[in-house]
Amino acid sequence: MGDRRASRFRTAAAVAAAVAAAALSILACSDRPSPAPPGGDGRGAPWQRTEEREPCADFDLLRRPYFGDLHVHTRFSADAYIFGTRVGPRDAYAFARGEPIALTDDDERQSRSARIDRPLDFTAVTDHAEFFGEVDLCSNPDSPVYDIDMCRELRAVEHPDDRFGVIVDWLFPAGIPNPPKSHGFCNTPGIDCDAAAVSVWGEMQAAAEEAYDRTTACSFTTFIGYEHTASPIGRHLHRNVIFRNEHVPRFAASQLETHAGGSPRGIWSAVERDCLDAGTGCDAVLIPHNSNLSGGEQFEDPTGAADARRRQDREPLV
């Protein structure tokens, strides 16, 4: 991992993910022994590089503020699509770097545009892992399910008052015990929603890699990530999963695969199994957000010292 990206990953593990850009400071801390990065200034660093690249031309071992956004949704998230978002991960990263982005008007026409006041230093697109394969199928005119009622409903919200009902129809499985693995239309012969989800996950990774500045300028850092959307009885127990590098699980484990009541232990176990303990060089941090909407259930009491340490390791911030 390059000097800047490594330090920004530790920064990301020390600030709450927010929809608006957040001011950050690099943290020189780690609980893992790490060698000094090669080609540096000889003073070493408290992190280990996990990729080969040129060192940043401008690097300060001490603290420096960075600004970024670790909670960005695109057209692959059902709720964002329902509210008119039609841009993809590449558009989101371009916007973060200062390029204009197309916005839809009330008639679903992309008749407006916007540009950020100050380009960001880092960004992670974190679409909801729940149903992003289904959303892609329903928004693709060439898909055999494009014209079924549920897909029409996703695309045809005409009035703001209609949106809540559509969101409930699309996202309710994330809020019930023992949710189905997918929406019912995924059982249609010839429809593979899991394959569509893997394809979307691959596109998110490719977009992050394309936008990541690997030159010595180190001007922009991307993080691969997604949102795990546990919502038992409407309670907000959402978490953004942010990966350190390009070594990520093949499948983005959602609430549909990892449900454990209102407990985060299901997604902890998935991240441990598919990333931290997989021997692939994968590393990740989970960031709970909007805990004010959780009804006090975002942080249940630990069952003991080992459980408390596990949370500390998996979720060091909110």
C-alpha atoms as a PDB file:
ATOM      1  CA  MET A   1       0.000   0.000   0.000  1.00  0.00           C
ATOM      2  CA  GLY A   2       1.317   3.441  -0.897  1.00  0.00           C
ATOM      3  CA  ASP A   3       2.266   5.897   1.818  1.00  0.00           C
ATOM      4  CA  ARG A   4      -0.814   8.048   1.283  1.00  0.00           C
ATOM      5  CA  ARG A   5      -3.302   5.219   0.860  1.00  0.00           C
ATOM      6  CA  ALA A   6      -2.019   3.346   3.894  1.00  0.00           C
ATOM      7  CA  SER A   7      -2.284   6.400   6.061  1.00  0.00           C
ATOM      8  CA  ARG A   8      -5.685   7.268   4.667  1.00  0.00           C
ATOM      9  CA  PHE A   9      -6.927   3.782   5.497  1.00  0.00           C
ATOM     10  CA  ARG A  10      -5.899   4.331   9.106  1.00  0.00           C
ATOM     11  CA  THR A  11      -7.579   7.722   8.901  1.00  0.00           C
ATOM     12  CA  ALA A  12     -10.733   6.036   7.664  1.00  0.00           C
ATOM     13  CA  ALA A  13     -10.557   3.754  10.673  1.00  0.00           C
ATOM     14  CA  ALA A  14     -10.646   6.767  12.965  1.00  0.00           C
ATOM     15  CA  VAL A  15     -13.580   8.870  11.782  1.00  0.00           C
ATOM     16  CA  ALA A  16     -17.298   8.350  11.359  1.00  0.00           C
ATOM     17  CA  ALA A  17     -18.543   7.793   7.826  1.00  0.00           C
ATOM     18  CA  ALA A  18     -20.799  10.670   6.828  1.00  0.00           C
ATOM     19  CA  VAL A  19     -22.825  11.637   3.795  1.00  0.00           C
ATOM     20  CA  ALA A  20     -21.095  15.016   3.779  1.00  0.00           C
ATOM     21  CA  ALA A  21     -17.325  15.167   3.517  1.00  0.00           C
ATOM     22  CA  ALA A  22     -15.631  14.849   6.903  1.00  0.00           C
ATOM     23  CA  ALA A  23     -12.404  16.445   8.074  1.00  0.00           C
ATOM     24  CA  LEU A  24      -9.855  13.788   8.974  1.00  0.00           C
ATOM     25  CA  SER A  25      -6.448  13.459  10.610  1.00  0.00           C
ATOM     26  CA  ILE A  26      -3.966  10.669  10.034  1.00  0.00           C
ATOM     27  CA  LEU A  27      -3.581   8.329  12.973  1.00  0.00           C
ATOM     28  CA  ALA A  28      -0.130   6.935  13.596  1.00  0.00           C
ATOM     29  CA  CYS A  29      -1.315   3.832  15.424  1.00  0.00           C
ATOM     30  CA  SER A  30      -1.723   0.143  14.803  1.00  0.00           C
ATOM     31  CA  ASP A  31      -1.974  -3.009  16.886  1.00  0.00           C
ATOM     32  CA  ARG A  32      -0.061  -5.010  14.301  1.00  0.00           C
ATOM     33  CA  PRO A  33       3.757  -5.091  14.031  1.00  0.00           C
ATOM     34  CA  SER A  34       4.771  -3.672  10.672  1.00  0.00           C
ATOM     35  CA  PRO A  35       8.053  -3.195   8.864  1.00  0.00           C
ATOM     36  CA  ALA A  36       9.124   0.187   7.631  1.00  0.00           C
ATOM     37  CA  PRO A  37       7.972   0.924   4.074  1.00  0.00           C
ATOM     38  CA  PRO A  38      10.753   0.601   1.504  1.00  0.00           C
ATOM     39  CA  GLY A  39      12.007   3.714  -0.199  1.00  0.00           C
ATOM     40  CA  GLY A  40      10.778   6.027   2.518  1.00  0.00           C
ATOM     41  CA  ASP A  41      12.656   8.548   4.564  1.00  0.00           C
ATOM     42  CA  GLY A  42      14.181   5.903   6.824  1.00  0.00           C
ATOM     43  CA  ARG A  43      12.111   6.754   9.874  1.00  0.00           C
ATOM     44  CA  GLY A  44       9.684   3.899   9.256  1.00  0.00           C
ATOM     45  CA  ALA A  45       5.909   4.002   9.593  1.00  0.00           C
ATOM     46  CA  PRO A  46       3.334   2.359  11.869  1.00  0.00           C
ATOM     47  CA  TRP A  47       1.638   0.521   8.995  1.00  0.00           C
ATOM     48  CA  GLN A  48       2.549  -2.126   6.478  1.00  0.00           C
ATOM     49  CA  ARG A  49       2.330  -1.560   2.749  1.00  0.00           C
ATOM     50  CA  THR A  50       0.059  -4.006   0.981  1.00  0.00           C
ATOM     51  CA  GLU A  51       0.735  -3.019  -2.624  1.00  0.00           C
ATOM     52  CA  GLU A  52       3.624  -2.150  -4.907  1.00  0.00           C
ATOM     53  CA  ARG A  53       3.641   1.406  -6.266  1.00  0.00           C
ATOM     54  CA  GLU A  54       5.776   4.491  -6.456  1.00  0.00           C
ATOM     55  CA  PRO A  55       6.104   6.405  -3.165  1.00  0.00           C
ATOM     56  CA  CYS A  56       4.212   9.672  -2.905  1.00  0.00           C
ATOM     57  CA  ALA A  57       6.360  12.655  -3.843  1.00  0.00           C
ATOM     58  CA  ASP A  58       4.891  14.627  -0.946  1.00  0.00           C
ATOM     59  CA  PHE A  59       4.728  12.537   2.204  1.00  0.00           C
ATOM     60  CA  ASP A  60       4.605  13.585   5.835  1.00  0.00           C
ATOM     61  CA  LEU A  61       4.939  10.911   8.504  1.00  0.00           C
ATOM     62  CA  LEU A  62       3.233  13.217  10.990  1.00  0.00           C
ATOM     63  CA  ARG A  63      -0.418  14.257  11.078  1.00  0.00           C
ATOM     64  CA  ARG A  64      -2.065  15.914   8.089  1.00  0.00           C
ATOM     65  CA  PRO A  65      -5.780  16.604   7.514  1.00  0.00           C
ATOM     66  CA  TYR A  66      -7.575  14.913   4.637  1.00  0.00           C
ATOM     67  CA  PHE A  67     -11.150  15.292   3.481  1.00  0.00           C
ATOM     68  CA  GLY A  68     -13.290  12.514   2.111  1.00  0.00           C
ATOM     69  CA  ASP A  69     -16.603  10.700   1.963  1.00  0.00           C
ATOM     70  CA  LEU A  70     -17.076   7.075   3.015  1.00  0.00           C
ATOM     71  CA  HIS A  71     -20.826   6.847   2.392  1.00  0.00           C
ATOM     72  CA  VAL A  72     -21.740   7.257  -1.264  1.00  0.00           C
ATOM     73  CA  HIS A  73     -24.668   5.578  -3.036  1.00  0.00           C
ATOM     74  CA  THR A  74     -25.156   5.203  -6.783  1.00  0.00           C
ATOM     75  CA  ARG A  75     -27.848   3.752  -9.023  1.00  0.00           C
ATOM     76  CA  PHE A  76     -27.038   0.271  -7.711  1.00  0.00           C
ATOM     77  CA  SER A  77     -28.667   1.083  -4.341  1.00  0.00           C
ATOM     78  CA  ALA A  78     -32.434   0.545  -4.435  1.00  0.00           C
ATOM     79  CA  ASP A  79     -33.268   3.549  -2.260  1.00  0.00           C
ATOM     80  CA  ALA A  80     -30.994   5.856  -4.256  1.00  0.00           C
ATOM     81  CA  TYR A  81     -32.489   4.602  -7.532  1.00  0.00           C
ATOM     82  CA  ILE A  82     -36.018   5.191  -6.225  1.00  0.00           C
ATOM     83  CA  PHE A  83     -35.066   8.791  -5.404  1.00  0.00           C
ATOM     84  CA  GLY A  84     -33.818   9.424  -8.929  1.00  0.00           C
ATOM     85  CA  THR A  85     -30.114   8.526  -8.838  1.00  0.00           C
ATOM     86  CA  ARG A  86     -29.011   7.241 -12.237  1.00  0.00           C
ATOM     87  CA  VAL A  87     -25.243   7.692 -12.045  1.00  0.00           C
ATOM     88  CA  GLY A  88     -22.812   4.865 -11.363  1.00  0.00           C
ATOM     89  CA  PRO A  89     -19.629   4.407  -9.317  1.00  0.00           C
ATOM     90  CA  ARG A  90     -17.395   5.926 -11.994  1.00  0.00           C
ATOM     91  CA  ASP A  91     -19.552   9.057 -12.006  1.00  0.00           C
ATOM     92  CA  ALA A  92     -19.374   9.256  -8.217  1.00  0.00           C
ATOM     93  CA  TYR A  93     -15.579   9.070  -8.200  1.00  0.00           C
ATOM     94  CA  ALA A  94     -15.362  11.626 -10.993  1.00  0.00           C
ATOM     95  CA  PHE A  95     -17.572  13.973  -8.969  1.00  0.00           C
ATOM     96  CA  ALA A  96     -15.345  13.507  -5.919  1.00  0.00           C
ATOM     97  CA  ARG A  97     -12.354  14.512  -8.035  1.00  0.00           C
ATOM     98  CA  GLY A  98     -14.044  17.735  -9.114  1.00  0.00           C
ATOM     99  CA  GLU A  99     -15.826  16.839 -12.347  1.00  0.00           C
ATOM    100  CA  PRO A 100     -19.491  17.785 -12.921  1.00  0.00           C
ATOM    101  CA  ILE A 101     -22.181  15.174 -12.314  1.00  0.00           C
ATOM    102  CA  ALA A 102     -25.596  14.884 -13.980  1.00  0.00           C
ATOM    103  CA  LEU A 103     -28.667  15.214 -11.771  1.00  0.00           C
ATOM    104  CA  THR A 104     -32.224  14.194 -12.566  1.00  0.00           C
ATOM    105  CA  ASP A 105     -35.157  16.566 -12.319  1.00  0.00           C
ATOM    106  CA  ASP A 106     -38.705  15.759 -11.192  1.00  0.00           C
ATOM    107  CA  ASP A 107     -39.409  14.209 -14.587  1.00  0.00           C
ATOM    108  CA  GLU A 108     -36.433  11.827 -14.296  1.00  0.00           C
ATOM    109  CA  ARG A 109     -34.555  13.761 -16.967  1.00  0.00           C
ATOM    110  CA  GLN A 110     -30.875  14.490 -16.423  1.00  0.00           C
ATOM    111  CA  SER A 111     -31.336  18.188 -17.055  1.00  0.00           C
ATOM    112  CA  ARG A 112     -29.118  19.548 -14.291  1.00  0.00           C
ATOM    113  CA  SER A 113     -25.558  19.201 -13.132  1.00  0.00           C
ATOM    114  CA  ALA A 114     -23.482  19.948 -10.049  1.00  0.00           C
ATOM    115  CA  ARG A 115     -19.814  20.247  -9.177  1.00  0.00           C
ATOM    116  CA  ILE A 116     -18.220  19.895  -5.749  1.00  0.00           C
ATOM    117  CA  ASP A 117     -16.646  23.064  -4.337  1.00  0.00           C
ATOM    118  CA  ARG A 118     -13.399  21.327  -3.396  1.00  0.00           C
ATOM    119  CA  PRO A 119     -12.191  17.983  -4.777  1.00  0.00           C
ATOM    120  CA  LEU A 120     -11.918  15.309  -2.092  1.00  0.00           C
ATOM    121  CA  ASP A 121      -8.802  13.426  -1.075  1.00  0.00           C
ATOM    122  CA  PHE A 122     -10.514  10.051  -0.798  1.00  0.00           C
ATOM    123  CA  THR A 123     -13.903   8.445  -1.409  1.00  0.00           C
ATOM    124  CA  ALA A 124     -15.603   5.069  -1.069  1.00  0.00           C
ATOM    125  CA  VAL A 125     -18.714   4.094  -3.012  1.00  0.00           C
ATOM    126  CA  THR A 126     -20.724   2.054  -0.500  1.00  0.00           C
ATOM    127  CA  ASP A 127     -23.854   0.838  -2.243  1.00  0.00           C
ATOM    128  CA  HIS A 128     -26.295  -1.347  -0.325  1.00  0.00           C
ATOM    129  CA  ALA A 129     -25.216  -4.963  -0.839  1.00  0.00           C
ATOM    130  CA  GLU A 130     -28.833  -6.011  -0.418  1.00  0.00           C
ATOM    131  CA  PHE A 131     -30.416  -6.286  -3.866  1.00  0.00           C
ATOM    132  CA  PHE A 132     -27.856  -4.430  -5.947  1.00  0.00           C
ATOM    133  CA  GLY A 133     -27.950  -7.321  -8.391  1.00  0.00           C
ATOM    134  CA  GLU A 134     -31.736  -7.082  -8.578  1.00  0.00           C
ATOM    135  CA  VAL A 135     -31.597  -3.315  -9.086  1.00  0.00           C
ATOM    136  CA  ASP A 136     -29.178  -3.778 -11.964  1.00  0.00           C
ATOM    137  CA  LEU A 137     -31.424  -6.372 -13.597  1.00  0.00           C
ATOM    138  CA  CYS A 138     -34.512  -4.207 -13.186  1.00  0.00           C
ATOM    139  CA  SER A 139     -32.834  -1.136 -14.675  1.00  0.00           C
ATOM    140  CA  ASN A 140     -31.380  -2.938 -17.692  1.00  0.00           C
ATOM    141  CA  PRO A 141     -33.772  -2.849 -20.686  1.00  0.00           C
ATOM    142  CA  ASP A 142     -32.182  -6.033 -22.024  1.00  0.00           C
ATOM    143  CA  SER A 143     -32.981  -7.968 -18.847  1.00  0.00           C
ATOM    144  CA  PRO A 144     -35.773 -10.589 -19.132  1.00  0.00           C
ATOM    145  CA  VAL A 145     -37.320  -9.243 -15.906  1.00  0.00           C
ATOM    146  CA  TYR A 146     -37.245  -5.603 -16.989  1.00  0.00           C
ATOM    147  CA  ASP A 147     -41.019  -5.428 -17.515  1.00  0.00           C
ATOM    148  CA  ILE A 148     -42.230  -7.345 -14.463  1.00  0.00           C
ATOM    149  CA  ASP A 149     -44.302  -5.385 -11.943  1.00  0.00           C
ATOM    150  CA  MET A 150     -41.595  -5.081  -9.295  1.00  0.00           C
ATOM    151  CA  CYS A 151     -39.085  -3.702 -11.775  1.00  0.00           C
ATOM    152  CA  ARG A 152     -41.640  -1.275 -13.167  1.00  0.00           C
ATOM    153  CA  GLU A 153     -42.344  -0.145  -9.604  1.00  0.00           C
ATOM    154  CA  LEU A 154     -38.655   0.555  -9.012  1.00  0.00           C
ATOM    155  CA  ARG A 155     -38.405   2.745 -12.090  1.00  0.00           C
ATOM    156  CA  ALA A 156     -41.815   4.427 -12.116  1.00  0.00           C
ATOM    157  CA  VAL A 157     -41.972   6.515  -8.946  1.00  0.00           C
ATOM    158  CA  GLU A 158     -43.638   9.740 -10.082  1.00  0.00           C
ATOM    159  CA  HIS A 159     -44.465  11.443  -6.804  1.00  0.00           C
ATOM    160  CA  PRO A 160     -42.417  11.817  -3.601  1.00  0.00           C
ATOM    161  CA  ASP A 161     -45.321  10.415  -1.572  1.00  0.00           C
ATOM    162  CA  ASP A 162     -45.069   7.145  -3.506  1.00  0.00           C
ATOM    163  CA  ARG A 163     -41.458   6.511  -2.611  1.00  0.00           C
ATOM    164  CA  PHE A 164     -41.905   5.192   0.905  1.00  0.00           C
ATOM    165  CA  GLY A 165     -44.140   2.348  -0.241  1.00  0.00           C
ATOM    166  CA  VAL A 166     -41.714   1.360  -2.969  1.00  0.00           C
ATOM    167  CA  ILE A 167     -38.785   1.404  -0.541  1.00  0.00           C
ATOM    168  CA  VAL A 168     -40.742  -0.852   1.815  1.00  0.00           C
ATOM    169  CA  ASP A 169     -41.537  -3.274  -1.014  1.00  0.00           C
ATOM    170  CA  TRP A 170     -37.905  -3.397  -2.083  1.00  0.00           C
ATOM    171  CA  LEU A 171     -36.066  -3.335   1.246  1.00  0.00           C
ATOM    172  CA  PHE A 172     -38.414  -5.035   3.723  1.00  0.00           C
ATOM    173  CA  PRO A 173     -36.471  -8.359   3.663  1.00  0.00           C
ATOM    174  CA  ALA A 174     -33.561  -6.566   5.352  1.00  0.00           C
ATOM    175  CA  GLY A 175     -35.866  -5.873   8.291  1.00  0.00           C
ATOM    176  CA  ILE A 176     -37.435  -9.257   9.019  1.00  0.00           C
ATOM    177  CA  PRO A 177     -36.140 -12.361  10.814  1.00  0.00           C
ATOM    178  CA  ASN A 178     -34.792 -15.070   8.526  1.00  0.00           C
ATOM    179  CA  PRO A 179     -35.042 -12.983   5.359  1.00  0.00           C
ATOM    180  CA  PRO A 180     -35.169 -14.568   1.900  1.00  0.00           C
ATOM    181  CA  LYS A 181     -31.887 -14.626   0.006  1.00  0.00           C
ATOM    182  CA  SER A 182     -33.347 -12.479  -2.764  1.00  0.00           C
ATOM    183  CA  HIS A 183     -36.562 -11.132  -4.210  1.00  0.00           C
ATOM    184  CA  GLY A 184     -39.040 -13.610  -5.594  1.00  0.00           C
ATOM    185  CA  PHE A 185     -38.374 -12.857  -9.244  1.00  0.00           C
ATOM    186  CA  CYS A 186     -34.855 -14.210  -8.798  1.00  0.00           C
ATOM    187  CA  ASN A 187     -36.414 -17.681  -8.842  1.00  0.00           C
ATOM    188  CA  THR A 188     -37.465 -17.151 -12.456  1.00  0.00           C
ATOM    189  CA  PRO A 189     -35.744 -19.718 -14.702  1.00  0.00           C
ATOM    190  CA  GLY A 190     -32.782 -18.102 -16.416  1.00  0.00           C
ATOM    191  CA  ILE A 191     -32.476 -15.272 -13.869  1.00  0.00           C
ATOM    192  CA  ASP A 192     -29.358 -15.366 -11.691  1.00  0.00           C
ATOM    193  CA  CYS A 193     -29.477 -12.510  -9.193  1.00  0.00           C
ATOM    194  CA  ASP A 194     -26.334 -13.741  -7.435  1.00  0.00           C
ATOM    195  CA  ALA A 195     -24.390 -13.523 -10.691  1.00  0.00           C
ATOM    196  CA  ALA A 196     -25.775 -10.021 -11.227  1.00  0.00           C
ATOM    197  CA  ALA A 197     -24.651  -9.037  -7.718  1.00  0.00           C
ATOM    198  CA  VAL A 198     -21.147 -10.379  -8.374  1.00  0.00           C
ATOM    199  CA  SER A 199     -21.078  -8.403 -11.622  1.00  0.00           C
ATOM    200  CA  VAL A 200     -22.080  -5.189  -9.832  1.00  0.00           C
ATOM    201  CA  TRP A 201     -19.490  -5.835  -7.113  1.00  0.00           C
ATOM    202  CA  GLY A 202     -16.878  -6.269  -9.833  1.00  0.00           C
ATOM    203  CA  GLU A 203     -17.907  -3.001 -11.474  1.00  0.00           C
ATOM    204  CA  MET A 204     -17.592  -1.202  -8.140  1.00  0.00           C
ATOM    205  CA  GLN A 205     -14.073  -2.581  -7.726  1.00  0.00           C
ATOM    206  CA  ALA A 206     -13.083  -1.640 -11.268  1.00  0.00           C
ATOM    207  CA  ALA A 207     -14.379   1.898 -10.806  1.00  0.00           C
ATOM    208  CA  ALA A 208     -12.381   2.297  -7.602  1.00  0.00           C
ATOM    209  CA  GLU A 209      -9.215   1.028  -9.263  1.00  0.00           C
ATOM    210  CA  GLU A 210      -9.620   3.338 -12.270  1.00  0.00           C
ATOM    211  CA  ALA A 211     -10.077   6.417 -10.079  1.00  0.00           C
ATOM    212  CA  TYR A 212      -7.238   5.638  -7.661  1.00  0.00           C
ATOM    213  CA  ASP A 213      -4.246   7.873  -8.389  1.00  0.00           C
ATOM    214  CA  ARG A 214      -1.217   5.575  -8.312  1.00  0.00           C
ATOM    215  CA  THR A 215       1.191   8.212  -9.561  1.00  0.00           C
ATOM    216  CA  THR A 216       3.683   9.967  -7.315  1.00  0.00           C
ATOM    217  CA  ALA A 217       1.168  12.824  -7.012  1.00  0.00           C
ATOM    218  CA  CYS A 218      -1.071  10.625  -4.801  1.00  0.00           C
ATOM    219  CA  SER A 219      -3.855  13.139  -5.382  1.00  0.00           C
ATOM    220  CA  PHE A 220      -6.877  10.874  -4.879  1.00  0.00           C
ATOM    221  CA  THR A 221      -7.448   7.642  -2.976  1.00  0.00           C
ATOM    222  CA  THR A 222     -10.346   5.247  -3.443  1.00  0.00           C
ATOM    223  CA  PHE A 223     -11.531   2.535  -1.086  1.00  0.00           C
ATOM    224  CA  ILE A 224     -13.625  -0.428  -2.149  1.00  0.00           C
ATOM    225  CA  GLY A 225     -16.601  -0.795   0.153  1.00  0.00           C
ATOM    226  CA  TYR A 226     -20.289  -1.477   0.535  1.00  0.00           C
ATOM    227  CA  GLU A 227     -23.104  -0.954   3.014  1.00  0.00           C
ATOM    228  CA  HIS A 228     -24.481  -3.805   5.110  1.00  0.00           C
ATOM    229  CA  THR A 229     -28.103  -2.809   5.711  1.00  0.00           C
ATOM    230  CA  ALA A 230     -29.537  -4.534   8.763  1.00  0.00           C
ATOM    231  CA  SER A 231     -32.897  -2.904   9.571  1.00  0.00           C
ATOM    232  CA  PRO A 232     -34.819  -5.076  12.064  1.00  0.00           C
ATOM    233  CA  ILE A 233     -38.342  -3.698  12.456  1.00  0.00           C
ATOM    234  CA  GLY A 234     -37.179  -0.495  10.807  1.00  0.00           C
ATOM    235  CA  ARG A 235     -34.283   0.082  13.210  1.00  0.00           C
ATOM    236  CA  HIS A 236     -31.149   1.487  11.590  1.00  0.00           C
ATOM    237  CA  LEU A 237     -28.281  -0.945  12.243  1.00  0.00           C
ATOM    238  CA  HIS A 238     -26.402  -0.131   9.052  1.00  0.00           C
ATOM    239  CA  ARG A 239     -22.651  -0.493   8.673  1.00  0.00           C
ATOM    240  CA  ASN A 240     -20.233   0.501   5.934  1.00  0.00           C
ATOM    241  CA  VAL A 241     -17.580  -2.125   5.244  1.00  0.00           C
ATOM    242  CA  ILE A 242     -14.397  -0.408   4.030  1.00  0.00           C
ATOM    243  CA  PHE A 243     -11.556  -2.502   2.592  1.00  0.00           C
ATOM    244  CA  ARG A 244      -7.920  -1.513   2.809  1.00  0.00           C
ATOM    245  CA  ASN A 245      -6.846  -2.548  -0.683  1.00  0.00           C
ATOM    246  CA  GLU A 246      -7.944  -4.394  -3.814  1.00  0.00           C
ATOM    247  CA  HIS A 247      -7.962  -7.768  -2.044  1.00  0.00           C
ATOM    248  CA  VAL A 248     -11.659  -8.133  -1.241  1.00  0.00           C
ATOM    249  CA  PRO A 249     -14.147 -11.008  -0.930  1.00  0.00           C
ATOM    250  CA  ARG A 250     -15.643 -12.364  -4.132  1.00  0.00           C
ATOM    251  CA  PHE A 251     -19.129 -11.601  -2.853  1.00  0.00           C
ATOM    252  CA  ALA A 252     -20.329  -8.654  -0.763  1.00  0.00           C
ATOM    253  CA  ALA A 253     -22.013 -10.322   2.215  1.00  0.00           C
ATOM    254  CA  SER A 254     -25.316  -8.564   2.883  1.00  0.00           C
ATOM    255  CA  GLN A 255     -27.876  -8.752   5.663  1.00  0.00           C
ATOM    256  CA  LEU A 256     -29.659 -11.447   3.640  1.00  0.00           C
ATOM    257  CA  GLU A 257     -26.732 -13.835   4.148  1.00  0.00           C
ATOM    258  CA  THR A 258     -25.505 -12.740   7.580  1.00  0.00           C
ATOM    259  CA  HIS A 259     -28.668 -11.950   9.557  1.00  0.00           C
ATOM    260  CA  ALA A 260     -28.232 -12.545  13.273  1.00  0.00           C
ATOM    261  CA  GLY A 261     -31.252 -10.782  14.706  1.00  0.00           C
ATOM    262  CA  GLY A 262     -30.167  -7.302  15.660  1.00  0.00           C
ATOM    263  CA  SER A 263     -26.599  -8.410  16.324  1.00  0.00           C
ATOM    264  CA  PRO A 264     -23.655  -7.342  14.150  1.00  0.00           C
ATOM    265  CA  ARG A 265     -21.907 -10.657  14.801  1.00  0.00           C
ATOM    266  CA  GLY A 266     -23.169 -12.089  11.528  1.00  0.00           C
ATOM    267  CA  ILE A 267     -21.366  -9.504   9.430  1.00  0.00           C
ATOM    268  CA  TRP A 268     -18.345  -9.645  11.751  1.00  0.00           C
ATOM    269  CA  SER A 269     -18.100 -13.375  11.082  1.00  0.00           C
ATOM    270  CA  ALA A 270     -18.460 -12.900   7.337  1.00  0.00           C
ATOM    271  CA  VAL A 271     -15.707 -10.264   7.238  1.00  0.00           C
ATOM    272  CA  GLU A 272     -13.464 -12.456   9.381  1.00  0.00           C
ATOM    273  CA  ARG A 273     -14.106 -15.558   7.273  1.00  0.00           C
ATOM    274  CA  ASP A 274     -13.981 -13.989   3.813  1.00  0.00           C
ATOM    275  CA  CYS A 275     -11.403 -11.266   4.446  1.00  0.00           C
ATOM    276  CA  LEU A 276      -9.361 -11.072   7.629  1.00  0.00           C
ATOM    277  CA  ASP A 277      -8.748 -14.821   8.010  1.00  0.00           C
ATOM    278  CA  ALA A 278      -8.809 -15.736   4.317  1.00  0.00           C
ATOM    279  CA  GLY A 279      -5.055 -15.422   3.806  1.00  0.00           C
ATOM    280  CA  THR A 280      -5.510 -13.191   0.748  1.00  0.00           C
ATOM    281  CA  GLY A 281      -4.109  -9.931   2.115  1.00  0.00           C
ATOM    282  CA  CYS A 282      -7.601  -8.607   2.751  1.00  0.00           C
ATOM    283  CA  ASP A 283      -8.158  -6.109   5.575  1.00  0.00           C
ATOM    284  CA  ALA A 284     -11.302  -4.178   6.490  1.00  0.00           C
ATOM    285  CA  VAL A 285     -12.966  -1.931   9.022  1.00  0.00           C
ATOM    286  CA  LEU A 286     -16.712  -1.722   9.731  1.00  0.00           C
ATOM    287  CA  ILE A 287     -18.234   1.684  10.460  1.00  0.00           C
ATOM    288  CA  PRO A 288     -21.722   1.861  12.025  1.00  0.00           C
ATOM    289  CA  HIS A 289     -23.607   5.017  11.098  1.00  0.00           C
ATOM    290  CA  ASN A 290     -26.845   6.831  11.946  1.00  0.00           C
ATOM    291  CA  SER A 291     -27.007   5.042  15.277  1.00  0.00           C
ATOM    292  CA  ASN A 292     -29.453   7.764  16.371  1.00  0.00           C
ATOM    293  CA  LEU A 293     -32.042   5.906  14.249  1.00  0.00           C
ATOM    294  CA  SER A 294     -31.414   2.531  15.881  1.00  0.00           C
ATOM    295  CA  GLY A 295     -33.751   2.864  18.859  1.00  0.00           C
ATOM    296  CA  GLY A 296     -30.773   2.246  21.117  1.00  0.00           C
ATOM    297  CA  GLU A 297     -30.032  -1.106  19.465  1.00  0.00           C
ATOM    298  CA  GLN A 298     -26.940  -0.276  17.407  1.00  0.00           C
ATOM    299  CA  PHE A 299     -24.560  -1.167  20.243  1.00  0.00           C
ATOM    300  CA  GLU A 300     -25.801  -4.054  22.344  1.00  0.00           C
ATOM    301  CA  ASP A 301     -23.859  -4.908  25.478  1.00  0.00           C
ATOM    302  CA  PRO A 302     -20.937  -7.280  24.875  1.00  0.00           C
ATOM    303  CA  THR A 303     -21.271 -10.780  26.245  1.00  0.00           C
ATOM    304  CA  GLY A 304     -17.824 -10.648  27.809  1.00  0.00           C
ATOM    305  CA  ALA A 305     -14.266  -9.387  27.450  1.00  0.00           C
ATOM    306  CA  ALA A 306     -13.599 -11.374  24.272  1.00  0.00           C
ATOM    307  CA  ASP A 307     -16.759 -10.026  22.643  1.00  0.00           C
ATOM    308  CA  ALA A 308     -15.847  -6.470  23.635  1.00  0.00           C
ATOM    309  CA  ARG A 309     -12.377  -6.878  22.126  1.00  0.00           C
ATOM    310  CA  ARG A 310     -13.890  -8.293  18.956  1.00  0.00           C
ATOM    311  CA  ARG A 311     -16.061  -5.190  18.570  1.00  0.00           C
ATOM    312  CA  GLN A 312     -13.069  -2.967  19.293  1.00  0.00           C
ATOM    313  CA  ASP A 313     -11.140  -4.708  16.504  1.00  0.00           C
ATOM    314  CA  ARG A 314     -13.978  -4.809  13.972  1.00  0.00           C
ATOM    315  CA  GLU A 315     -15.636  -1.450  14.729  1.00  0.00           C
ATOM    316  CA  PRO A 316     -13.185   1.050  16.279  1.00  0.00           C
ATOM    317  CA  LEU A 317     -15.366   4.062  15.445  1.00  0.00           C
ATOM    318  CA  VAL A 318     -18.875   5.179  14.596  1.00  0.00           C
END
